[in-house]
Amino acid sequence: MFNARKSALVIAALLTLAAPALAQTSSNQTDYDNAILSLSAAGTYAKAVSFSVPSTTVTLKAEQIRPGNSFTLSIPVTNTTDRDIDVSAVAKTPTGTGAANLTVSGVSPTATIMPGEDATLTFTLTFDSSTDEAQAGQTVQVVFDVSATASANNTSSSDSSF
């Protein structure tokens, strides 16, 4: 059953409540030749750049540390911020008594990671093929520094509009 009077009151109430919001989008006359309207833009800064790498220790077994052997080392990285980040890893100079026989090469040492996504940075560790009985029992250690910066594609040159 349609109640015309009740419907008219609801429509009148909606128009009355909506009117103040609409009035704010019109300029105010300051004199005959001028008018003014204040608009504001507001936002929240993006989160600070951050990432995580699982807590782990990689132990190179004696079978891996042999003349001429090579293997891949992968570093998983998760973007824990709300924008794209560019992540890179750098291997420091190997240390230990057998460090002179080890070469570390970046296969994919950089990546751009979207918010909440993962990427893997990859390196190859290669032991030279020289063999000497003095190499028995030598040690090696490699430290990787992982860093991230906000990706250049986080900026926008497009204008906003009201």
C-alpha atoms as a PDB file:
ATOM      1  CA  MET A   1       0.000   0.000   0.000  1.00  0.00           C
ATOM      2  CA  PHE A   2       1.501   3.347  -1.095  1.00  0.00           C
ATOM      3  CA  ASN A   3       1.319   6.252   1.321  1.00  0.00           C
ATOM      4  CA  ALA A   4       1.843   9.473  -0.672  1.00  0.00           C
ATOM      5  CA  ARG A   5       2.051  11.743   2.374  1.00  0.00           C
ATOM      6  CA  LYS A   6       4.678   9.556   4.102  1.00  0.00           C
ATOM      7  CA  SER A   7       6.729   9.341   0.874  1.00  0.00           C
ATOM      8  CA  ALA A   8       6.577  13.126   0.430  1.00  0.00           C
ATOM      9  CA  LEU A   9       7.899  13.618   3.988  1.00  0.00           C
ATOM     10  CA  VAL A  10      10.794  11.203   3.406  1.00  0.00           C
ATOM     11  CA  ILE A  11      11.759  12.935   0.142  1.00  0.00           C
ATOM     12  CA  ALA A  12      11.494  16.375   1.800  1.00  0.00           C
ATOM     13  CA  ALA A  13      13.703  15.171   4.690  1.00  0.00           C
ATOM     14  CA  LEU A  14      16.341  13.806   2.291  1.00  0.00           C
ATOM     15  CA  LEU A  15      16.413  17.070   0.315  1.00  0.00           C
ATOM     16  CA  THR A  16      16.688  19.077   3.528  1.00  0.00           C
ATOM     17  CA  LEU A  17      19.547  16.929   4.872  1.00  0.00           C
ATOM     18  CA  ALA A  18      21.411  16.913   1.550  1.00  0.00           C
ATOM     19  CA  ALA A  19      21.174  20.667   1.005  1.00  0.00           C
ATOM     20  CA  PRO A  20      23.976  21.703   3.422  1.00  0.00           C
ATOM     21  CA  ALA A  21      26.436  19.341   1.698  1.00  0.00           C
ATOM     22  CA  LEU A  22      25.538  20.774  -1.691  1.00  0.00           C
ATOM     23  CA  ALA A  23      25.821  24.361  -0.392  1.00  0.00           C
ATOM     24  CA  GLN A  24      29.487  23.773   0.469  1.00  0.00           C
ATOM     25  CA  THR A  25      30.354  23.163  -3.180  1.00  0.00           C
ATOM     26  CA  SER A  26      29.264  26.640  -4.245  1.00  0.00           C
ATOM     27  CA  SER A  27      31.386  29.741  -3.972  1.00  0.00           C
ATOM     28  CA  ASN A  28      30.630  32.602  -1.619  1.00  0.00           C
ATOM     29  CA  GLN A  29      30.443  36.122  -2.985  1.00  0.00           C
ATOM     30  CA  THR A  30      32.947  38.443  -1.335  1.00  0.00           C
ATOM     31  CA  ASP A  31      31.862  41.524  -3.314  1.00  0.00           C
ATOM     32  CA  TYR A  32      30.349  42.267  -6.690  1.00  0.00           C
ATOM     33  CA  ASP A  33      33.459  41.218  -8.672  1.00  0.00           C
ATOM     34  CA  ASN A  34      34.810  38.373  -6.490  1.00  0.00           C
ATOM     35  CA  ALA A  35      33.861  35.026  -5.013  1.00  0.00           C
ATOM     36  CA  ILE A  36      35.738  32.433  -2.959  1.00  0.00           C
ATOM     37  CA  LEU A  37      35.488  28.722  -2.296  1.00  0.00           C
ATOM     38  CA  SER A  38      37.899  26.793  -0.074  1.00  0.00           C
ATOM     39  CA  LEU A  39      38.704  23.211  -1.000  1.00  0.00           C
ATOM     40  CA  SER A  40      41.022  20.885   0.847  1.00  0.00           C
ATOM     41  CA  ALA A  41      42.956  17.774  -0.031  1.00  0.00           C
ATOM     42  CA  ALA A  42      43.956  15.343   2.699  1.00  0.00           C
ATOM     43  CA  GLY A  43      45.771  12.042   2.812  1.00  0.00           C
ATOM     44  CA  THR A  44      48.022   9.785   4.807  1.00  0.00           C
ATOM     45  CA  TYR A  45      51.700   9.195   4.181  1.00  0.00           C
ATOM     46  CA  ALA A  46      52.652   5.767   2.903  1.00  0.00           C
ATOM     47  CA  LYS A  47      54.276   3.408   5.379  1.00  0.00           C
ATOM     48  CA  ALA A  48      58.030   3.563   5.810  1.00  0.00           C
ATOM     49  CA  VAL A  49      59.944   1.133   3.614  1.00  0.00           C
ATOM     50  CA  SER A  50      60.271  -2.259   5.286  1.00  0.00           C
ATOM     51  CA  PHE A  51      60.913  -5.885   4.388  1.00  0.00           C
ATOM     52  CA  SER A  52      61.594  -9.179   6.075  1.00  0.00           C
ATOM     53  CA  VAL A  53      63.911 -12.109   5.483  1.00  0.00           C
ATOM     54  CA  PRO A  54      63.233 -15.363   7.347  1.00  0.00           C
ATOM     55  CA  SER A  55      65.572 -15.913  10.255  1.00  0.00           C
ATOM     56  CA  THR A  56      67.894 -18.678   9.185  1.00  0.00           C
ATOM     57  CA  THR A  57      71.454 -19.857   9.163  1.00  0.00           C
ATOM     58  CA  VAL A  58      72.925 -21.449   6.070  1.00  0.00           C
ATOM     59  CA  THR A  59      75.625 -23.968   6.787  1.00  0.00           C
ATOM     60  CA  LEU A  60      77.781 -25.059   3.866  1.00  0.00           C
ATOM     61  CA  LYS A  61      78.480 -28.734   4.209  1.00  0.00           C
ATOM     62  CA  ALA A  62      81.930 -30.163   3.611  1.00  0.00           C
ATOM     63  CA  GLU A  63      80.630 -31.920   0.471  1.00  0.00           C
ATOM     64  CA  GLN A  64      79.761 -28.488  -0.983  1.00  0.00           C
ATOM     65  CA  ILE A  65      83.071 -26.841  -0.176  1.00  0.00           C
ATOM     66  CA  ARG A  66      85.191 -28.715  -2.694  1.00  0.00           C
ATOM     67  CA  PRO A  67      87.431 -27.551  -5.514  1.00  0.00           C
ATOM     68  CA  GLY A  68      85.432 -26.850  -8.681  1.00  0.00           C
ATOM     69  CA  ASN A  69      82.045 -27.154  -6.972  1.00  0.00           C
ATOM     70  CA  SER A  70      79.365 -24.499  -7.297  1.00  0.00           C
ATOM     71  CA  PHE A  71      75.862 -24.097  -5.920  1.00  0.00           C
ATOM     72  CA  THR A  72      73.053 -21.570  -5.673  1.00  0.00           C
ATOM     73  CA  LEU A  73      72.121 -19.627  -2.568  1.00  0.00           C
ATOM     74  CA  SER A  74      68.633 -18.063  -2.477  1.00  0.00           C
ATOM     75  CA  ILE A  75      67.503 -15.258  -0.174  1.00  0.00           C
ATOM     76  CA  PRO A  76      63.693 -14.966   0.178  1.00  0.00           C
ATOM     77  CA  VAL A  77      62.471 -11.400   0.827  1.00  0.00           C
ATOM     78  CA  THR A  78      58.925 -10.272   1.719  1.00  0.00           C
ATOM     79  CA  ASN A  79      57.700  -6.702   1.197  1.00  0.00           C
ATOM     80  CA  THR A  80      56.013  -5.723   4.482  1.00  0.00           C
ATOM     81  CA  THR A  81      54.931  -2.237   3.448  1.00  0.00           C
ATOM     82  CA  ASP A  82      52.047  -0.763   1.445  1.00  0.00           C
ATOM     83  CA  ARG A  83      54.004   0.211  -1.685  1.00  0.00           C
ATOM     84  CA  ASP A  84      56.433  -1.245  -4.189  1.00  0.00           C
ATOM     85  CA  ILE A  85      60.052  -1.526  -3.054  1.00  0.00           C
ATOM     86  CA  ASP A  86      63.286  -2.168  -4.929  1.00  0.00           C
ATOM     87  CA  VAL A  87      65.352  -4.724  -3.002  1.00  0.00           C
ATOM     88  CA  SER A  88      68.973  -5.633  -3.578  1.00  0.00           C
ATOM     89  CA  ALA A  89      71.578  -7.810  -1.912  1.00  0.00           C
ATOM     90  CA  VAL A  90      75.331  -7.470  -1.995  1.00  0.00           C
ATOM     91  CA  ALA A  91      77.755 -10.182  -0.932  1.00  0.00           C
ATOM     92  CA  LYS A  92      80.587  -8.935   1.223  1.00  0.00           C
ATOM     93  CA  THR A  93      84.057 -10.283   0.572  1.00  0.00           C
ATOM     94  CA  PRO A  94      84.183 -13.908   1.761  1.00  0.00           C
ATOM     95  CA  THR A  95      86.152 -14.544   4.935  1.00  0.00           C
ATOM     96  CA  GLY A  96      87.757 -17.624   6.445  1.00  0.00           C
ATOM     97  CA  THR A  97      90.863 -19.650   5.675  1.00  0.00           C
ATOM     98  CA  GLY A  98      89.460 -20.861   2.320  1.00  0.00           C
ATOM     99  CA  ALA A  99      87.953 -17.527   1.234  1.00  0.00           C
ATOM    100  CA  ALA A 100      90.575 -16.964  -1.481  1.00  0.00           C
ATOM    101  CA  ASN A 101      89.194 -20.001  -3.319  1.00  0.00           C
ATOM    102  CA  LEU A 102      85.556 -18.798  -3.343  1.00  0.00           C
ATOM    103  CA  THR A 103      83.838 -16.502  -5.852  1.00  0.00           C
ATOM    104  CA  VAL A 104      80.344 -15.136  -5.185  1.00  0.00           C
ATOM    105  CA  SER A 105      78.319 -13.994  -8.218  1.00  0.00           C
ATOM    106  CA  GLY A 106      74.895 -12.388  -8.288  1.00  0.00           C
ATOM    107  CA  VAL A 107      72.424 -14.258 -10.527  1.00  0.00           C
ATOM    108  CA  SER A 108      69.389 -12.140  -9.591  1.00  0.00           C
ATOM    109  CA  PRO A 109      70.572  -9.865  -6.779  1.00  0.00           C
ATOM    110  CA  THR A 110      67.793  -7.275  -7.269  1.00  0.00           C
ATOM    111  CA  ALA A 111      63.994  -7.300  -7.465  1.00  0.00           C
ATOM    112  CA  THR A 112      61.018  -4.959  -7.360  1.00  0.00           C
ATOM    113  CA  ILE A 113      58.451  -6.357  -4.926  1.00  0.00           C
ATOM    114  CA  MET A 114      54.803  -5.318  -4.724  1.00  0.00           C
ATOM    115  CA  PRO A 115      53.143  -4.820  -1.293  1.00  0.00           C
ATOM    116  CA  GLY A 116      52.777  -8.088   0.616  1.00  0.00           C
ATOM    117  CA  GLU A 117      54.530 -10.083  -2.106  1.00  0.00           C
ATOM    118  CA  ASP A 118      57.747 -12.143  -2.028  1.00  0.00           C
ATOM    119  CA  ALA A 119      60.822 -12.304  -4.239  1.00  0.00           C
ATOM    120  CA  THR A 120      63.992 -14.365  -4.187  1.00  0.00           C
ATOM    121  CA  LEU A 121      67.467 -12.882  -4.592  1.00  0.00           C
ATOM    122  CA  THR A 122      69.881 -15.472  -5.974  1.00  0.00           C
ATOM    123  CA  PHE A 123      73.651 -15.888  -5.875  1.00  0.00           C
ATOM    124  CA  THR A 124      76.056 -18.542  -7.139  1.00  0.00           C
ATOM    125  CA  LEU A 125      78.960 -19.608  -4.927  1.00  0.00           C
ATOM    126  CA  THR A 126      81.795 -21.182  -6.887  1.00  0.00           C
ATOM    127  CA  PHE A 127      84.962 -22.731  -5.541  1.00  0.00           C
ATOM    128  CA  ASP A 128      87.962 -22.595  -7.848  1.00  0.00           C
ATOM    129  CA  SER A 129      89.307 -25.868  -9.200  1.00  0.00           C
ATOM    130  CA  SER A 130      92.737 -25.670  -7.591  1.00  0.00           C
ATOM    131  CA  THR A 131      93.464 -28.630  -5.369  1.00  0.00           C
ATOM    132  CA  ASP A 132      95.957 -28.612  -2.609  1.00  0.00           C
ATOM    133  CA  GLU A 133      96.134 -30.747   0.482  1.00  0.00           C
ATOM    134  CA  ALA A 134      96.440 -27.536   2.505  1.00  0.00           C
ATOM    135  CA  GLN A 135      92.807 -26.783   1.594  1.00  0.00           C
ATOM    136  CA  ALA A 136      91.561 -29.641   3.759  1.00  0.00           C
ATOM    137  CA  GLY A 137      89.645 -28.274   6.743  1.00  0.00           C
ATOM    138  CA  GLN A 138      89.587 -24.659   5.540  1.00  0.00           C
ATOM    139  CA  THR A 139      86.561 -22.511   6.354  1.00  0.00           C
ATOM    140  CA  VAL A 140      84.570 -19.901   4.445  1.00  0.00           C
ATOM    141  CA  GLN A 141      81.900 -17.401   5.437  1.00  0.00           C
ATOM    142  CA  VAL A 142      79.862 -15.019   3.277  1.00  0.00           C
ATOM    143  CA  VAL A 143      77.730 -12.171   4.629  1.00  0.00           C
ATOM    144  CA  PHE A 144      74.974 -10.639   2.487  1.00  0.00           C
ATOM    145  CA  ASP A 145      73.707  -7.091   3.017  1.00  0.00           C
ATOM    146  CA  VAL A 146      70.083  -6.737   1.881  1.00  0.00           C
ATOM    147  CA  SER A 147      68.630  -3.248   1.383  1.00  0.00           C
ATOM    148  CA  ALA A 148      65.449  -1.712   0.006  1.00  0.00           C
ATOM    149  CA  THR A 149      64.258   1.647  -1.269  1.00  0.00           C
ATOM    150  CA  ALA A 150      60.855   2.902  -2.312  1.00  0.00           C
ATOM    151  CA  SER A 151      60.317   2.065  -5.961  1.00  0.00           C
ATOM    152  CA  ALA A 152      60.302   4.948  -8.424  1.00  0.00           C
ATOM    153  CA  ASN A 153      56.887   3.847  -9.701  1.00  0.00           C
ATOM    154  CA  ASN A 154      55.312   4.866  -6.352  1.00  0.00           C
ATOM    155  CA  THR A 155      55.204   8.484  -7.461  1.00  0.00           C
ATOM    156  CA  SER A 156      52.464   9.938  -9.579  1.00  0.00           C
ATOM    157  CA  SER A 157      52.650  12.881 -11.924  1.00  0.00           C
ATOM    158  CA  SER A 158      48.934  12.803 -12.626  1.00  0.00           C
ATOM    159  CA  ASP A 159      46.774  15.606 -11.254  1.00  0.00           C
ATOM    160  CA  SER A 160      43.998  15.020  -8.784  1.00  0.00           C
ATOM    161  CA  SER A 161      40.537  16.360  -9.487  1.00  0.00           C
ATOM    162  CA  PHE A 162      37.539  17.260  -7.364  1.00  0.00           C
END
